[in-house]
N, C-alpha and C. Protein backbone atom coordinates (compact mmCIF):
# COMPACT_ATOMS: atom_id res chain seq x y z
N MET A 1 -160.50 179.59 -83.30
CA MET A 1 -159.42 178.90 -82.63
C MET A 1 -158.63 178.01 -83.58
N GLN A 2 -158.76 178.12 -84.81
CA GLN A 2 -158.10 177.24 -85.76
C GLN A 2 -156.72 177.75 -86.12
N GLN A 3 -155.86 176.88 -86.58
CA GLN A 3 -154.53 177.26 -87.00
C GLN A 3 -154.61 178.08 -88.27
N MET A 4 -153.87 179.19 -88.29
CA MET A 4 -153.90 180.06 -89.44
C MET A 4 -152.66 179.85 -90.29
N LYS A 5 -152.61 180.60 -91.37
CA LYS A 5 -151.51 180.56 -92.30
C LYS A 5 -150.27 181.24 -91.73
N PRO A 6 -149.11 181.14 -92.40
CA PRO A 6 -147.91 181.79 -91.91
C PRO A 6 -148.13 183.29 -91.76
N ASN A 7 -147.24 183.94 -90.99
CA ASN A 7 -147.41 185.34 -90.65
C ASN A 7 -147.61 186.24 -91.84
N SER A 8 -146.83 186.07 -92.93
CA SER A 8 -146.93 186.96 -94.08
C SER A 8 -148.33 186.92 -94.67
N ASP A 9 -148.89 185.72 -94.81
CA ASP A 9 -150.25 185.58 -95.31
C ASP A 9 -151.24 186.17 -94.33
N HIS A 10 -151.03 185.87 -93.05
CA HIS A 10 -151.94 186.37 -92.02
C HIS A 10 -151.96 187.88 -92.02
N ASP A 11 -150.79 188.51 -92.08
CA ASP A 11 -150.71 189.97 -92.09
C ASP A 11 -151.42 190.56 -93.30
N SER A 12 -151.22 189.95 -94.47
CA SER A 12 -151.87 190.44 -95.69
C SER A 12 -153.38 190.29 -95.61
N PHE A 13 -153.80 189.19 -95.05
CA PHE A 13 -155.23 188.87 -94.91
C PHE A 13 -155.94 189.93 -94.07
N ILE A 14 -155.39 190.23 -92.90
CA ILE A 14 -155.99 191.21 -92.00
C ILE A 14 -155.80 192.63 -92.52
N ALA A 15 -154.60 192.91 -93.09
CA ALA A 15 -154.32 194.26 -93.58
C ALA A 15 -155.26 194.66 -94.70
N ALA A 16 -155.59 193.73 -95.59
CA ALA A 16 -156.50 194.04 -96.70
C ALA A 16 -157.88 194.41 -96.17
N ILE A 17 -158.35 193.70 -95.16
CA ILE A 17 -159.65 194.02 -94.57
C ILE A 17 -159.58 195.35 -93.83
N ALA A 18 -158.47 195.58 -93.11
CA ALA A 18 -158.32 196.82 -92.34
C ALA A 18 -158.29 198.05 -93.24
N ARG A 19 -157.70 197.92 -94.43
CA ARG A 19 -157.65 199.06 -95.35
C ARG A 19 -159.03 199.49 -95.80
N GLU A 20 -159.93 198.53 -95.93
CA GLU A 20 -161.26 198.82 -96.45
C GLU A 20 -162.29 199.06 -95.34
N GLY A 21 -162.01 198.55 -94.15
CA GLY A 21 -163.01 198.61 -93.09
C GLY A 21 -162.69 199.65 -92.03
N THR A 22 -163.41 199.55 -90.93
CA THR A 22 -163.26 200.48 -89.81
C THR A 22 -162.82 199.70 -88.57
N THR A 23 -161.72 200.14 -87.97
CA THR A 23 -161.23 199.48 -86.77
C THR A 23 -161.94 200.04 -85.55
N VAL A 24 -162.48 199.14 -84.74
CA VAL A 24 -163.25 199.53 -83.55
C VAL A 24 -162.64 198.84 -82.33
N ARG A 25 -162.56 199.57 -81.23
CA ARG A 25 -162.10 199.00 -79.96
C ARG A 25 -163.33 198.48 -79.21
N TYR A 26 -163.31 197.21 -78.89
CA TYR A 26 -164.41 196.61 -78.14
C TYR A 26 -163.92 196.25 -76.74
N PRO A 27 -164.46 196.87 -75.70
CA PRO A 27 -164.07 196.48 -74.34
C PRO A 27 -164.63 195.10 -74.01
N LYS A 28 -164.06 194.46 -73.02
CA LYS A 28 -164.51 193.14 -72.60
C LYS A 28 -166.01 193.16 -72.31
N GLY A 29 -166.72 192.21 -72.91
CA GLY A 29 -168.16 192.09 -72.69
C GLY A 29 -169.03 192.77 -73.72
N GLN A 30 -168.45 193.66 -74.54
CA GLN A 30 -169.26 194.36 -75.53
C GLN A 30 -169.66 193.42 -76.67
N VAL A 31 -170.90 193.59 -77.15
CA VAL A 31 -171.44 192.73 -78.20
C VAL A 31 -171.13 193.31 -79.58
N LEU A 32 -170.60 192.44 -80.46
CA LEU A 32 -170.38 192.85 -81.85
C LEU A 32 -171.69 192.80 -82.62
N PHE A 33 -172.40 191.69 -82.46
CA PHE A 33 -173.73 191.54 -83.04
C PHE A 33 -174.48 190.47 -82.25
N SER A 34 -175.80 190.51 -82.35
CA SER A 34 -176.64 189.58 -81.59
C SER A 34 -177.37 188.62 -82.51
N GLN A 35 -177.68 187.47 -81.98
CA GLN A 35 -178.47 186.47 -82.69
C GLN A 35 -179.79 187.10 -83.14
N GLY A 36 -180.07 186.99 -84.43
CA GLY A 36 -181.28 187.59 -84.98
C GLY A 36 -181.06 188.92 -85.66
N ASP A 37 -179.88 189.54 -85.46
CA ASP A 37 -179.56 190.80 -86.13
C ASP A 37 -179.39 190.57 -87.63
N GLN A 38 -179.51 191.64 -88.40
CA GLN A 38 -179.24 191.56 -89.82
C GLN A 38 -177.76 191.26 -90.05
N ALA A 39 -177.47 190.31 -90.92
CA ALA A 39 -176.10 189.92 -91.22
C ALA A 39 -175.59 190.79 -92.37
N ASP A 40 -174.92 191.88 -92.02
CA ASP A 40 -174.56 192.87 -93.04
C ASP A 40 -173.08 193.23 -93.05
N ALA A 41 -172.25 192.53 -92.28
CA ALA A 41 -170.83 192.88 -92.23
C ALA A 41 -170.01 191.68 -91.75
N VAL A 42 -168.73 191.74 -92.09
CA VAL A 42 -167.75 190.75 -91.63
C VAL A 42 -166.81 191.46 -90.65
N PHE A 43 -166.37 190.75 -89.62
CA PHE A 43 -165.46 191.30 -88.63
C PHE A 43 -164.16 190.50 -88.65
N ALA A 44 -163.04 191.19 -88.52
CA ALA A 44 -161.72 190.55 -88.46
C ALA A 44 -161.05 190.94 -87.16
N ILE A 45 -160.62 189.95 -86.39
CA ILE A 45 -160.02 190.21 -85.08
C ILE A 45 -158.54 190.54 -85.25
N GLN A 46 -158.16 191.75 -84.88
CA GLN A 46 -156.75 192.13 -84.89
C GLN A 46 -156.08 191.76 -83.57
N ARG A 47 -156.80 191.96 -82.49
CA ARG A 47 -156.27 191.67 -81.15
C ARG A 47 -157.44 191.32 -80.25
N GLY A 48 -157.24 190.31 -79.38
CA GLY A 48 -158.27 189.95 -78.43
C GLY A 48 -158.95 188.63 -78.77
N LYS A 49 -160.06 188.37 -78.09
CA LYS A 49 -160.82 187.13 -78.27
C LYS A 49 -162.31 187.45 -78.33
N VAL A 50 -163.02 186.67 -79.13
CA VAL A 50 -164.47 186.85 -79.31
C VAL A 50 -165.16 185.52 -79.05
N LYS A 51 -166.23 185.57 -78.28
CA LYS A 51 -167.01 184.37 -77.96
C LYS A 51 -168.29 184.36 -78.78
N LEU A 52 -168.61 183.20 -79.37
CA LEU A 52 -169.86 183.01 -80.09
C LEU A 52 -170.79 182.16 -79.23
N THR A 53 -172.00 182.66 -79.00
CA THR A 53 -172.99 181.92 -78.21
C THR A 53 -174.31 181.84 -78.98
N VAL A 54 -175.04 180.78 -78.71
CA VAL A 54 -176.34 180.57 -79.33
C VAL A 54 -177.36 180.30 -78.23
N VAL A 55 -178.55 180.89 -78.38
CA VAL A 55 -179.64 180.67 -77.43
C VAL A 55 -180.73 179.87 -78.13
N SER A 56 -181.14 178.76 -77.52
CA SER A 56 -182.16 177.90 -78.11
C SER A 56 -183.56 178.46 -77.87
N LYS A 57 -184.56 177.83 -78.48
CA LYS A 57 -185.95 178.24 -78.27
C LYS A 57 -186.36 178.04 -76.81
N GLN A 58 -185.69 177.13 -76.12
CA GLN A 58 -185.97 176.89 -74.70
C GLN A 58 -185.16 177.84 -73.81
N ASN A 59 -184.54 178.85 -74.44
CA ASN A 59 -183.77 179.88 -73.74
C ASN A 59 -182.52 179.34 -73.05
N LYS A 60 -181.96 178.27 -73.60
CA LYS A 60 -180.70 177.74 -73.10
C LYS A 60 -179.56 178.29 -73.95
N GLU A 61 -178.52 178.76 -73.28
CA GLU A 61 -177.38 179.36 -73.99
C GLU A 61 -176.23 178.37 -74.05
N ALA A 62 -175.57 178.32 -75.21
CA ALA A 62 -174.41 177.45 -75.39
C ALA A 62 -173.28 178.24 -76.05
N VAL A 63 -172.06 178.03 -75.57
CA VAL A 63 -170.87 178.60 -76.21
C VAL A 63 -170.46 177.68 -77.35
N VAL A 64 -170.43 178.21 -78.56
CA VAL A 64 -170.12 177.36 -79.71
C VAL A 64 -168.70 177.56 -80.24
N ALA A 65 -168.07 178.68 -79.91
CA ALA A 65 -166.70 178.91 -80.39
C ALA A 65 -166.07 180.08 -79.65
N VAL A 66 -164.76 180.05 -79.58
CA VAL A 66 -163.97 181.19 -79.13
C VAL A 66 -162.96 181.48 -80.23
N LEU A 67 -163.00 182.69 -80.76
CA LEU A 67 -162.15 183.08 -81.88
C LEU A 67 -161.08 184.05 -81.41
N THR A 68 -159.91 183.99 -82.05
CA THR A 68 -158.77 184.79 -81.61
C THR A 68 -158.23 185.63 -82.77
N ALA A 69 -157.13 186.34 -82.50
CA ALA A 69 -156.53 187.24 -83.50
C ALA A 69 -156.26 186.49 -84.80
N GLY A 70 -156.68 187.10 -85.91
CA GLY A 70 -156.51 186.48 -87.22
C GLY A 70 -157.75 185.78 -87.71
N ASP A 71 -158.76 185.64 -86.85
CA ASP A 71 -160.00 184.97 -87.24
C ASP A 71 -161.02 185.97 -87.78
N LEU A 72 -161.90 185.45 -88.62
CA LEU A 72 -163.06 186.21 -89.07
C LEU A 72 -164.25 185.88 -88.19
N VAL A 73 -165.13 186.84 -88.05
CA VAL A 73 -166.37 186.65 -87.29
C VAL A 73 -167.53 187.11 -88.17
N GLY A 74 -168.55 186.27 -88.27
CA GLY A 74 -169.74 186.66 -89.02
C GLY A 74 -169.61 186.56 -90.52
N GLU A 75 -168.63 185.76 -90.99
CA GLU A 75 -168.44 185.63 -92.44
C GLU A 75 -169.58 184.88 -93.12
N GLY A 76 -170.46 184.28 -92.32
CA GLY A 76 -171.62 183.60 -92.89
C GLY A 76 -172.53 184.54 -93.67
N CYS A 77 -172.41 185.85 -93.42
CA CYS A 77 -173.24 186.82 -94.15
C CYS A 77 -172.93 186.83 -95.64
N LEU A 78 -171.76 186.29 -96.02
CA LEU A 78 -171.38 186.28 -97.43
C LEU A 78 -172.17 185.24 -98.22
N VAL A 79 -172.86 184.36 -97.49
CA VAL A 79 -173.72 183.37 -98.13
C VAL A 79 -175.15 183.90 -98.13
N GLY A 80 -175.79 183.91 -99.28
CA GLY A 80 -177.11 184.50 -99.41
C GLY A 80 -178.16 183.89 -98.51
N GLN A 81 -177.96 182.62 -98.12
CA GLN A 81 -178.96 181.93 -97.31
C GLN A 81 -178.89 182.32 -95.83
N GLN A 82 -178.00 183.23 -95.45
CA GLN A 82 -177.91 183.63 -94.05
C GLN A 82 -178.11 185.14 -93.92
N PRO A 83 -179.36 185.60 -94.05
CA PRO A 83 -179.63 187.04 -93.96
C PRO A 83 -179.59 187.58 -92.54
N ILE A 84 -179.73 186.70 -91.53
CA ILE A 84 -179.67 187.15 -90.14
C ILE A 84 -178.62 186.36 -89.38
N ARG A 85 -178.16 186.93 -88.27
CA ARG A 85 -177.12 186.28 -87.48
C ARG A 85 -177.70 185.07 -86.75
N THR A 86 -176.97 183.97 -86.78
CA THR A 86 -177.41 182.76 -86.11
C THR A 86 -176.78 182.60 -84.73
N ALA A 87 -175.91 183.55 -84.35
CA ALA A 87 -175.25 183.51 -83.04
C ALA A 87 -174.98 184.92 -82.57
N THR A 88 -174.63 185.05 -81.30
CA THR A 88 -174.22 186.33 -80.73
C THR A 88 -172.71 186.33 -80.56
N ALA A 89 -172.06 187.39 -80.99
CA ALA A 89 -170.61 187.53 -80.85
C ALA A 89 -170.32 188.64 -79.85
N SER A 90 -169.49 188.33 -78.85
CA SER A 90 -169.14 189.33 -77.84
C SER A 90 -167.66 189.22 -77.50
N ALA A 91 -167.06 190.36 -77.16
CA ALA A 91 -165.63 190.39 -76.83
C ALA A 91 -165.39 189.76 -75.47
N MET A 92 -164.47 188.80 -75.42
CA MET A 92 -164.09 188.15 -74.16
C MET A 92 -163.01 188.93 -73.44
N THR A 93 -162.24 189.71 -74.21
CA THR A 93 -161.19 190.56 -73.66
C THR A 93 -161.28 191.90 -74.39
N ASP A 94 -160.57 192.90 -73.90
CA ASP A 94 -160.47 194.15 -74.65
C ASP A 94 -159.89 193.80 -76.02
N SER A 95 -160.59 194.19 -77.07
CA SER A 95 -160.22 193.72 -78.42
C SER A 95 -160.20 194.85 -79.43
N SER A 96 -159.39 194.65 -80.46
CA SER A 96 -159.35 195.54 -81.62
C SER A 96 -159.86 194.75 -82.81
N ILE A 97 -160.97 195.20 -83.39
CA ILE A 97 -161.66 194.43 -84.42
C ILE A 97 -162.04 195.32 -85.58
N VAL A 98 -161.82 194.83 -86.80
CA VAL A 98 -162.17 195.58 -88.00
C VAL A 98 -163.55 195.15 -88.48
N ARG A 99 -164.40 196.13 -88.73
CA ARG A 99 -165.72 195.86 -89.31
C ARG A 99 -165.70 196.26 -90.78
N LEU A 100 -166.08 195.32 -91.64
CA LEU A 100 -166.13 195.57 -93.07
C LEU A 100 -167.51 195.21 -93.59
N ALA A 101 -168.20 196.18 -94.17
CA ALA A 101 -169.56 195.96 -94.67
C ALA A 101 -169.55 194.88 -95.76
N LYS A 102 -170.62 194.13 -95.82
CA LYS A 102 -170.73 193.01 -96.76
C LYS A 102 -170.44 193.43 -98.20
N PRO A 103 -170.99 194.53 -98.73
CA PRO A 103 -170.70 194.90 -100.13
C PRO A 103 -169.21 195.11 -100.39
N ALA A 104 -168.52 195.74 -99.43
CA ALA A 104 -167.08 195.98 -99.59
C ALA A 104 -166.31 194.67 -99.58
N MET A 105 -166.71 193.75 -98.71
CA MET A 105 -166.05 192.44 -98.65
C MET A 105 -166.28 191.67 -99.95
N MET A 106 -167.50 191.73 -100.48
CA MET A 106 -167.80 191.05 -101.73
C MET A 106 -166.98 191.63 -102.88
N ARG A 107 -166.79 192.94 -102.86
CA ARG A 107 -165.99 193.58 -103.91
C ARG A 107 -164.54 193.14 -103.83
N LEU A 108 -164.00 193.07 -102.60
CA LEU A 108 -162.62 192.60 -102.42
C LEU A 108 -162.45 191.19 -102.96
N LEU A 109 -163.40 190.33 -102.65
CA LEU A 109 -163.34 188.94 -103.10
C LEU A 109 -163.39 188.86 -104.63
N ARG A 110 -164.17 189.75 -105.24
CA ARG A 110 -164.33 189.74 -106.69
C ARG A 110 -163.12 190.31 -107.42
N ASP A 111 -162.52 191.37 -106.84
CA ASP A 111 -161.50 192.12 -107.57
C ASP A 111 -160.06 191.74 -107.21
N ASP A 112 -159.87 191.12 -106.06
CA ASP A 112 -158.51 190.83 -105.60
C ASP A 112 -158.32 189.31 -105.50
N GLY A 113 -157.68 188.74 -106.54
CA GLY A 113 -157.51 187.29 -106.59
C GLY A 113 -156.69 186.75 -105.43
N ALA A 114 -155.62 187.46 -105.05
CA ALA A 114 -154.77 187.00 -103.95
C ALA A 114 -155.56 186.97 -102.64
N PHE A 115 -156.35 188.00 -102.42
CA PHE A 115 -157.17 188.06 -101.21
C PHE A 115 -158.20 186.93 -101.21
N SER A 116 -158.80 186.68 -102.35
CA SER A 116 -159.80 185.60 -102.45
C SER A 116 -159.19 184.26 -102.09
N ARG A 117 -157.94 184.04 -102.53
CA ARG A 117 -157.28 182.77 -102.21
C ARG A 117 -157.01 182.65 -100.72
N LEU A 118 -156.65 183.77 -100.07
CA LEU A 118 -156.42 183.73 -98.63
C LEU A 118 -157.72 183.44 -97.88
N VAL A 119 -158.80 184.03 -98.34
CA VAL A 119 -160.10 183.77 -97.69
C VAL A 119 -160.50 182.31 -97.88
N LEU A 120 -160.28 181.79 -99.09
CA LEU A 120 -160.60 180.38 -99.34
C LEU A 120 -159.78 179.48 -98.44
N SER A 121 -158.48 179.78 -98.30
CA SER A 121 -157.62 179.00 -97.42
C SER A 121 -158.13 179.06 -95.99
N TYR A 122 -158.53 180.25 -95.56
CA TYR A 122 -159.05 180.42 -94.20
C TYR A 122 -160.30 179.58 -93.98
N VAL A 123 -161.25 179.66 -94.93
CA VAL A 123 -162.51 178.94 -94.79
C VAL A 123 -162.28 177.43 -94.76
N LEU A 124 -161.38 176.94 -95.62
CA LEU A 124 -161.09 175.51 -95.64
C LEU A 124 -160.44 175.06 -94.33
N THR A 125 -159.53 175.89 -93.82
CA THR A 125 -158.89 175.59 -92.54
C THR A 125 -159.92 175.58 -91.42
N ARG A 126 -160.85 176.52 -91.50
CA ARG A 126 -161.92 176.59 -90.50
C ARG A 126 -162.78 175.33 -90.54
N ASN A 127 -163.08 174.85 -91.74
CA ASN A 127 -163.87 173.62 -91.87
C ASN A 127 -163.15 172.42 -91.27
N ILE A 128 -161.83 172.34 -91.51
CA ILE A 128 -161.03 171.26 -90.93
C ILE A 128 -161.08 171.35 -89.41
N ARG A 129 -161.02 172.57 -88.89
CA ARG A 129 -161.07 172.79 -87.43
C ARG A 129 -162.42 172.33 -86.87
N ILE A 130 -163.51 172.64 -87.58
CA ILE A 130 -164.84 172.24 -87.13
C ILE A 130 -164.97 170.72 -87.12
N GLU A 131 -164.43 170.07 -88.16
CA GLU A 131 -164.45 168.60 -88.19
C GLU A 131 -163.67 168.01 -87.03
N ALA A 132 -162.53 168.62 -86.73
CA ALA A 132 -161.72 168.15 -85.61
C ALA A 132 -162.46 168.33 -84.29
N ASP A 133 -163.19 169.44 -84.15
CA ASP A 133 -163.99 169.67 -82.95
C ASP A 133 -165.05 168.60 -82.79
N LEU A 134 -165.69 168.23 -83.91
CA LEU A 134 -166.74 167.21 -83.87
C LEU A 134 -166.17 165.86 -83.45
N VAL A 135 -165.04 165.49 -84.02
CA VAL A 135 -164.38 164.23 -83.65
C VAL A 135 -164.01 164.26 -82.17
N ASP A 136 -163.51 165.42 -81.72
CA ASP A 136 -163.13 165.58 -80.33
C ASP A 136 -164.32 165.34 -79.40
N GLN A 137 -165.47 165.91 -79.76
CA GLN A 137 -166.68 165.75 -78.95
C GLN A 137 -167.17 164.31 -78.95
N LEU A 138 -167.04 163.63 -80.08
CA LEU A 138 -167.57 162.28 -80.20
C LEU A 138 -166.71 161.22 -79.52
N PHE A 139 -165.39 161.38 -79.57
CA PHE A 139 -164.52 160.29 -79.18
C PHE A 139 -163.60 160.54 -77.99
N ASN A 140 -163.38 161.80 -77.63
CA ASN A 140 -162.40 162.08 -76.58
C ASN A 140 -163.07 162.39 -75.24
N SER A 141 -162.32 162.16 -74.17
CA SER A 141 -162.82 162.42 -72.82
C SER A 141 -162.91 163.92 -72.57
N SER A 142 -163.65 164.28 -71.53
CA SER A 142 -163.77 165.70 -71.16
C SER A 142 -162.41 166.29 -70.83
N GLU A 143 -161.54 165.49 -70.20
CA GLU A 143 -160.22 165.97 -69.82
C GLU A 143 -159.39 166.31 -71.06
N LYS A 144 -159.42 165.44 -72.06
CA LYS A 144 -158.68 165.69 -73.29
C LYS A 144 -159.26 166.90 -74.03
N ARG A 145 -160.58 167.02 -74.05
CA ARG A 145 -161.21 168.15 -74.74
C ARG A 145 -160.81 169.46 -74.08
N LEU A 146 -160.79 169.47 -72.76
CA LEU A 146 -160.39 170.68 -72.04
C LEU A 146 -158.94 171.04 -72.33
N ALA A 147 -158.05 170.04 -72.31
CA ALA A 147 -156.63 170.30 -72.60
C ALA A 147 -156.46 170.87 -74.00
N ARG A 148 -157.16 170.29 -74.96
CA ARG A 148 -157.07 170.75 -76.34
C ARG A 148 -157.57 172.18 -76.49
N ILE A 149 -158.67 172.50 -75.84
CA ILE A 149 -159.23 173.85 -75.91
C ILE A 149 -158.29 174.87 -75.28
N LEU A 150 -157.68 174.53 -74.15
CA LEU A 150 -156.73 175.44 -73.51
C LEU A 150 -155.53 175.71 -74.42
N LEU A 151 -155.03 174.68 -75.08
CA LEU A 151 -153.90 174.86 -75.99
C LEU A 151 -154.28 175.74 -77.17
N LEU A 152 -155.49 175.54 -77.69
CA LEU A 152 -155.95 176.35 -78.81
C LEU A 152 -156.14 177.81 -78.40
N LEU A 153 -156.68 178.02 -77.21
CA LEU A 153 -156.89 179.39 -76.72
C LEU A 153 -155.56 180.10 -76.48
N ALA A 154 -154.54 179.34 -76.15
CA ALA A 154 -153.20 179.91 -75.96
C ALA A 154 -152.45 180.03 -77.28
N ASN A 155 -153.17 179.76 -78.39
CA ASN A 155 -152.60 179.86 -79.74
C ASN A 155 -151.45 178.89 -79.96
N PHE A 156 -151.47 177.77 -79.25
CA PHE A 156 -150.43 176.76 -79.44
C PHE A 156 -150.48 176.24 -80.87
N GLY A 157 -149.36 176.32 -81.57
CA GLY A 157 -149.30 175.85 -82.94
C GLY A 157 -149.49 176.95 -83.97
N LYS A 158 -149.90 178.14 -83.53
CA LYS A 158 -150.01 179.26 -84.47
C LYS A 158 -148.67 179.96 -84.54
N GLU A 159 -148.09 179.96 -85.70
CA GLU A 159 -146.75 180.50 -85.88
C GLU A 159 -146.70 181.97 -85.51
N GLY A 160 -145.81 182.32 -84.58
CA GLY A 160 -145.60 183.72 -84.24
C GLY A 160 -146.71 184.34 -83.41
N GLN A 161 -147.70 183.54 -82.97
CA GLN A 161 -148.82 184.13 -82.26
C GLN A 161 -149.05 183.51 -80.90
N GLN A 162 -148.08 182.77 -80.38
CA GLN A 162 -148.31 182.06 -79.14
C GLN A 162 -148.59 183.03 -77.99
N GLU A 163 -149.65 182.77 -77.26
CA GLU A 163 -150.07 183.60 -76.15
C GLU A 163 -150.27 182.67 -74.96
N LEU A 164 -149.30 182.65 -74.06
CA LEU A 164 -149.31 181.65 -73.00
C LEU A 164 -150.32 181.96 -71.92
N VAL A 165 -150.64 183.25 -71.70
CA VAL A 165 -151.56 183.64 -70.64
C VAL A 165 -152.91 183.96 -71.26
N ILE A 166 -153.95 183.30 -70.77
CA ILE A 166 -155.30 183.52 -71.30
C ILE A 166 -156.23 183.89 -70.16
N ASP A 167 -157.33 184.53 -70.52
CA ASP A 167 -158.32 184.97 -69.55
C ASP A 167 -159.68 184.41 -69.97
N ILE A 168 -160.15 183.39 -69.26
CA ILE A 168 -161.41 182.76 -69.61
C ILE A 168 -162.00 182.12 -68.35
N SER A 169 -163.30 182.21 -68.19
CA SER A 169 -163.94 181.67 -67.00
C SER A 169 -164.14 180.16 -67.12
N GLN A 170 -164.28 179.51 -65.99
CA GLN A 170 -164.53 178.07 -66.00
C GLN A 170 -165.92 177.76 -66.56
N GLU A 171 -166.86 178.70 -66.41
CA GLU A 171 -168.19 178.51 -67.00
C GLU A 171 -168.11 178.44 -68.52
N THR A 172 -167.31 179.34 -69.10
CA THR A 172 -167.15 179.34 -70.55
C THR A 172 -166.43 178.08 -71.02
N LEU A 173 -165.41 177.67 -70.29
CA LEU A 173 -164.71 176.43 -70.63
C LEU A 173 -165.65 175.23 -70.57
N ALA A 174 -166.50 175.19 -69.57
CA ALA A 174 -167.45 174.09 -69.44
C ALA A 174 -168.38 174.04 -70.65
N GLY A 175 -168.81 175.21 -71.13
CA GLY A 175 -169.67 175.26 -72.31
C GLY A 175 -168.96 174.76 -73.55
N LEU A 176 -167.67 175.10 -73.69
CA LEU A 176 -166.90 174.67 -74.85
C LEU A 176 -166.60 173.17 -74.80
N VAL A 177 -166.34 172.67 -73.61
CA VAL A 177 -166.00 171.26 -73.46
C VAL A 177 -167.24 170.39 -73.54
N GLY A 178 -168.38 170.93 -73.08
CA GLY A 178 -169.60 170.15 -73.04
C GLY A 178 -169.70 169.34 -71.76
N THR A 179 -169.29 169.96 -70.65
CA THR A 179 -169.35 169.29 -69.35
C THR A 179 -169.74 170.32 -68.30
N THR A 180 -169.67 169.94 -67.03
CA THR A 180 -170.07 170.84 -65.95
C THR A 180 -168.88 171.67 -65.46
N ARG A 181 -169.20 172.78 -64.78
CA ARG A 181 -168.14 173.62 -64.23
C ARG A 181 -167.34 172.85 -63.19
N SER A 182 -168.00 172.01 -62.40
CA SER A 182 -167.29 171.25 -61.35
C SER A 182 -166.26 170.30 -61.96
N ARG A 183 -166.59 169.69 -63.11
CA ARG A 183 -165.63 168.81 -63.78
C ARG A 183 -164.44 169.61 -64.32
N VAL A 184 -164.74 170.78 -64.88
CA VAL A 184 -163.66 171.64 -65.36
C VAL A 184 -162.75 172.03 -64.21
N SER A 185 -163.33 172.40 -63.07
CA SER A 185 -162.54 172.77 -61.90
C SER A 185 -161.65 171.61 -61.45
N PHE A 186 -162.20 170.41 -61.46
CA PHE A 186 -161.44 169.21 -61.07
C PHE A 186 -160.24 169.01 -61.98
N PHE A 187 -160.45 169.09 -63.31
CA PHE A 187 -159.36 168.88 -64.25
C PHE A 187 -158.33 170.01 -64.18
N MET A 188 -158.81 171.25 -63.99
CA MET A 188 -157.88 172.38 -63.91
C MET A 188 -156.97 172.22 -62.70
N ASN A 189 -157.51 171.77 -61.59
CA ASN A 189 -156.68 171.54 -60.40
C ASN A 189 -155.65 170.44 -60.67
N ARG A 190 -156.08 169.40 -61.40
CA ARG A 190 -155.15 168.33 -61.75
C ARG A 190 -154.03 168.86 -62.66
N PHE A 191 -154.40 169.65 -63.68
CA PHE A 191 -153.40 170.21 -64.59
C PHE A 191 -152.41 171.09 -63.82
N ARG A 192 -152.94 171.86 -62.85
CA ARG A 192 -152.07 172.75 -62.07
C ARG A 192 -151.08 171.94 -61.24
N LYS A 193 -151.55 170.89 -60.59
CA LYS A 193 -150.68 170.06 -59.75
C LYS A 193 -149.60 169.36 -60.57
N LEU A 194 -149.93 169.04 -61.83
CA LEU A 194 -148.97 168.38 -62.71
C LEU A 194 -148.02 169.38 -63.39
N GLY A 195 -148.26 170.67 -63.17
CA GLY A 195 -147.39 171.70 -63.75
C GLY A 195 -147.71 172.07 -65.18
N TYR A 196 -148.87 171.63 -65.68
CA TYR A 196 -149.26 171.94 -67.06
C TYR A 196 -149.80 173.36 -67.21
N ILE A 197 -150.38 173.88 -66.14
CA ILE A 197 -150.89 175.26 -66.15
C ILE A 197 -150.44 175.94 -64.87
N HIS A 198 -150.51 177.27 -64.88
CA HIS A 198 -150.06 178.04 -63.72
C HIS A 198 -150.88 179.33 -63.68
N TYR A 199 -151.29 179.72 -62.48
CA TYR A 199 -152.03 180.98 -62.32
C TYR A 199 -151.07 182.06 -61.88
N ASN A 200 -150.93 183.09 -62.72
CA ASN A 200 -150.00 184.18 -62.43
C ASN A 200 -150.51 185.45 -63.12
N GLY A 201 -151.52 186.08 -62.51
CA GLY A 201 -152.15 187.24 -63.13
C GLY A 201 -152.96 186.85 -64.34
N GLY A 202 -153.33 185.61 -64.41
CA GLY A 202 -154.04 185.04 -65.55
C GLY A 202 -153.72 183.55 -65.59
N LEU A 203 -154.25 182.88 -66.56
CA LEU A 203 -154.01 181.44 -66.69
C LEU A 203 -152.87 181.22 -67.68
N GLU A 204 -151.76 180.71 -67.18
CA GLU A 204 -150.59 180.44 -68.02
C GLU A 204 -150.62 178.97 -68.44
N VAL A 205 -150.63 178.75 -69.74
CA VAL A 205 -150.71 177.39 -70.30
C VAL A 205 -149.34 176.97 -70.82
N HIS A 206 -148.85 175.81 -70.37
CA HIS A 206 -147.55 175.31 -70.82
C HIS A 206 -147.74 174.27 -71.92
N SER A 207 -146.79 174.22 -72.82
CA SER A 207 -146.88 173.28 -73.94
C SER A 207 -146.90 171.83 -73.46
N SER A 208 -146.44 171.58 -72.23
CA SER A 208 -146.46 170.22 -71.69
C SER A 208 -147.89 169.68 -71.56
N LEU A 209 -148.87 170.56 -71.59
CA LEU A 209 -150.27 170.13 -71.52
C LEU A 209 -150.62 169.25 -72.72
N LEU A 210 -149.83 169.35 -73.77
CA LEU A 210 -150.04 168.51 -74.95
C LEU A 210 -149.97 167.02 -74.59
N ASN A 211 -149.27 166.69 -73.51
CA ASN A 211 -149.17 165.30 -73.07
C ASN A 211 -150.54 164.70 -72.79
N VAL A 212 -151.46 165.52 -72.28
CA VAL A 212 -152.81 165.04 -71.98
C VAL A 212 -153.55 164.69 -73.27
N VAL A 213 -153.37 165.53 -74.30
CA VAL A 213 -154.04 165.32 -75.58
C VAL A 213 -153.51 164.08 -76.28
N LEU A 214 -152.19 163.85 -76.20
CA LEU A 214 -151.56 162.76 -76.93
C LEU A 214 -151.62 161.43 -76.18
N HIS A 215 -151.88 161.49 -74.87
CA HIS A 215 -151.88 160.26 -74.07
C HIS A 215 -153.11 159.42 -74.35
N ASP A 216 -152.91 158.14 -74.58
CA ASP A 216 -154.04 157.22 -74.83
C ASP A 216 -154.59 156.69 -73.50
């Protein structure tokens, strides 16, 4: 859900992976990989959304991220200390995703300096996004966190990629926000009454929702 680079860089980033990898259509609900699987490939989202979930030893499941077009999934395999998957990745919508085996990805990083720089930029941007998520969890209200997540899911701020209508359950939103489904339902009804969101064959998010995030 992080902000990506301008379109030209984004297109080059995904195109380079697509040339070397295999494009697979994942229907909604299909699993890309499961927690505990061997970490042997990187995935690049061309279209759609992917949910990352983690199951604890107490068998409790948590949604840790929702990734969108232009994002990488499972890039942790490029680090030697992560031989197995630490999360489960599944398609939230019908998606088009490129699978690139780890050796091929490592070769691209070694041989293509421009591609390596794009990957570095992506990883750094991802780290900034994770830090922002942590600050959001520590200091902001559930209402602000929900508004921010909805804007991110609608690709607000991603140049040329804005997607106003999103498809996501309130249960998943509750997991991302770190609150209950009933609280999410309460805030969603408030946003709807204020005209920040609209239901029309899906959830339509308006940029005016930014008022909730910016309001002290």
